[in-house]
Amino acid sequence: MSQKSDNNLIININVSYILAGILLFVDLGGILLITLTPLVWAFRVGIWALLVWSLYRSLRVHAWRNVPSAIRALEIDNEGMAAVYFAGDTGWRSARITAWFVHPWLTLLSLRVEGRKMPANLAIAVDAVEAEPFRRLRVRLKLRIAVA
């Protein structure tokens, strides 16, 4: 029997080893491509440095969630309004989901958070959350697509 969807859905997001592997694979692939591309060495080393910094930052924000700007929890009410809890905050901030991608193993969200100029991006892998709340999140997002 399924739960009623009139409850608030709260998802606590933990460390994701699957997402860390994906990010590592993508950035190392970029480093390999730059290595094989005929470029001036100074330019190549600069791009390598940017890719390594990008990998480090992405891992800390999206996979390990150990920086203040990392989203640690997401709450969606029955009307589709959202709230997020940042690792560096003491309370919830209201947000609006502006874009989403739903896959059985990965969900990507773009959020407009109150008090921030830039949108916050959230990647939720299947190993970072409990199974039932993750399934309910995917269902709610798919229903938003059907209604919109």
Protein backbone atom coordinates (compact mmCIF):
# COMPACT_ATOMS: atom_id res chain seq x y z
CA MET A 1 0.00 0.00 0.00
CA SER A 2 1.40 3.41 -0.92
CA GLN A 3 1.57 6.36 1.41
CA LYS A 4 -0.59 9.38 0.81
CA SER A 5 1.20 12.16 -1.05
CA ASP A 6 -0.24 14.89 1.19
CA ASN A 7 2.71 14.48 3.57
CA ASN A 8 5.84 16.57 3.35
CA LEU A 9 8.62 14.59 1.75
CA ILE A 10 11.93 15.05 3.56
CA ILE A 11 15.07 13.56 2.04
CA ASN A 12 18.29 13.51 4.04
CA ILE A 13 21.23 13.29 1.67
CA ASN A 14 24.39 11.47 2.71
CA VAL A 15 27.76 10.70 1.10
CA SER A 16 27.49 9.09 -2.35
CA TYR A 17 30.23 6.78 -3.57
CA ILE A 18 28.45 6.20 -6.89
CA LEU A 19 28.37 9.94 -7.60
CA ALA A 20 32.02 10.25 -6.55
CA GLY A 21 32.89 7.53 -9.06
CA ILE A 22 30.92 9.23 -11.83
CA LEU A 23 32.58 12.59 -11.16
CA LEU A 24 36.01 10.95 -11.03
CA PHE A 25 35.38 9.13 -14.32
CA VAL A 26 34.19 12.28 -16.11
CA ASP A 27 37.02 14.52 -14.91
CA LEU A 28 39.72 11.92 -15.56
CA GLY A 29 38.24 11.49 -19.04
CA GLY A 30 38.59 15.23 -19.55
CA ILE A 31 42.20 15.10 -18.39
CA LEU A 32 42.85 12.24 -20.83
CA LEU A 33 41.29 14.19 -23.70
CA ILE A 34 43.39 17.26 -22.93
CA THR A 35 46.49 15.04 -22.77
CA LEU A 36 45.77 13.65 -26.25
CA THR A 37 44.93 17.04 -27.77
CA PRO A 38 47.86 18.86 -29.41
CA LEU A 39 48.08 22.05 -27.35
CA VAL A 40 50.83 24.28 -26.04
CA TRP A 41 52.11 22.79 -22.77
CA ALA A 42 51.36 25.89 -20.70
CA PHE A 43 47.75 25.89 -21.90
CA ARG A 44 47.46 22.13 -21.30
CA VAL A 45 48.79 22.40 -17.74
CA GLY A 46 46.34 25.24 -17.05
CA ILE A 47 43.39 23.16 -18.22
CA TRP A 48 44.64 20.19 -16.16
CA ALA A 49 44.75 22.41 -13.10
CA LEU A 50 41.21 23.63 -13.74
CA LEU A 51 39.94 20.07 -14.18
CA VAL A 52 41.61 18.89 -10.97
CA TRP A 53 40.15 21.87 -9.08
CA SER A 54 36.73 21.13 -10.64
CA LEU A 55 36.96 17.49 -9.53
CA TYR A 56 37.94 18.49 -5.98
CA ARG A 57 35.13 21.05 -5.72
CA SER A 58 32.50 18.74 -7.25
CA LEU A 59 33.44 15.89 -4.93
CA ARG A 60 33.22 18.09 -1.84
CA VAL A 61 29.89 19.71 -2.80
CA HIS A 62 27.96 16.88 -4.50
CA ALA A 63 29.47 13.57 -3.36
CA TRP A 64 30.95 14.15 0.11
CA ARG A 65 28.73 17.14 1.07
CA ASN A 66 31.25 18.56 3.54
CA VAL A 67 31.29 22.24 2.56
CA PRO A 68 28.85 24.92 3.80
CA SER A 69 27.31 25.32 0.34
CA ALA A 70 26.37 21.63 0.09
CA ILE A 71 22.70 20.74 0.40
CA ARG A 72 22.21 18.14 3.15
CA ALA A 73 18.40 17.81 3.08
CA LEU A 74 15.48 18.56 0.77
CA GLU A 75 11.84 18.97 1.74
CA ILE A 76 8.95 19.12 -0.72
CA ASP A 77 5.41 19.78 0.45
CA ASN A 78 2.18 18.56 -1.14
CA GLU A 79 1.91 21.70 -3.30
CA GLY A 80 5.37 21.28 -4.82
CA MET A 81 7.08 23.99 -2.78
CA ALA A 82 10.57 23.06 -1.64
CA ALA A 83 12.94 23.89 1.18
CA VAL A 84 16.62 23.04 1.47
CA TYR A 85 19.00 22.66 4.38
CA PHE A 86 22.60 23.66 3.67
CA ALA A 87 25.48 22.08 5.59
CA GLY A 88 26.57 25.52 6.81
CA ASP A 89 23.12 26.77 7.88
CA THR A 90 21.11 26.36 11.04
CA GLY A 91 17.67 26.40 9.40
CA TRP A 92 15.69 25.62 6.30
CA ARG A 93 15.56 27.98 3.31
CA SER A 94 12.61 28.07 0.95
CA ALA A 95 13.34 27.20 -2.66
CA ARG A 96 11.65 26.64 -6.00
CA ILE A 97 12.52 23.74 -8.28
CA THR A 98 13.19 25.22 -11.72
CA ALA A 99 14.53 22.19 -13.61
CA TRP A 100 14.94 18.49 -12.96
CA PHE A 101 16.16 15.27 -14.50
CA VAL A 102 14.88 11.97 -13.14
CA HIS A 103 16.59 8.60 -13.58
CA PRO A 104 16.22 5.47 -11.42
CA TRP A 105 19.82 5.87 -10.13
CA LEU A 106 20.30 9.65 -10.23
CA THR A 107 18.12 12.74 -9.85
CA LEU A 108 19.39 16.20 -10.75
CA LEU A 109 17.65 19.36 -9.55
CA SER A 110 18.17 23.05 -10.15
CA LEU A 111 16.78 25.17 -7.33
CA ARG A 112 16.20 28.89 -6.88
CA VAL A 113 16.92 29.36 -3.20
CA GLU A 114 15.64 32.37 -1.30
CA GLY A 115 18.49 34.74 -0.48
CA ARG A 116 20.87 33.45 -3.18
CA LYS A 117 21.55 35.08 -6.51
CA MET A 118 22.74 31.95 -8.31
CA PRO A 119 20.70 28.75 -8.54
CA ALA A 120 21.74 25.80 -6.41
CA ASN A 121 22.28 22.49 -8.15
CA LEU A 122 21.57 19.22 -6.40
CA ALA A 123 22.64 15.75 -7.51
CA ILE A 124 21.07 12.88 -5.59
CA ALA A 125 22.40 9.39 -6.27
CA VAL A 126 20.58 6.25 -5.22
CA ASP A 127 23.22 5.29 -2.63
CA ALA A 128 23.01 8.65 -0.81
CA VAL A 129 19.39 8.38 0.34
CA GLU A 130 16.91 5.84 1.64
CA ALA A 131 15.08 3.87 -1.04
CA GLU A 132 11.46 4.79 -0.27
CA PRO A 133 11.90 8.60 0.00
CA PHE A 134 14.01 8.55 -3.20
CA ARG A 135 11.26 6.65 -5.02
CA ARG A 136 8.64 9.11 -3.76
CA LEU A 137 10.80 12.06 -4.91
CA ARG A 138 11.12 10.59 -8.40
CA VAL A 139 7.35 9.99 -8.56
CA ARG A 140 6.57 13.56 -7.46
CA LEU A 141 8.98 15.01 -10.03
CA LYS A 142 7.56 12.83 -12.80
CA LEU A 143 4.03 13.89 -11.85
CA ARG A 144 5.14 17.54 -12.05
CA ILE A 145 6.30 16.86 -15.61
CA ALA A 146 2.92 15.35 -16.49
CA VAL A 147 0.99 18.26 -14.96
CA ALA A 148 3.18 21.00 -16.47
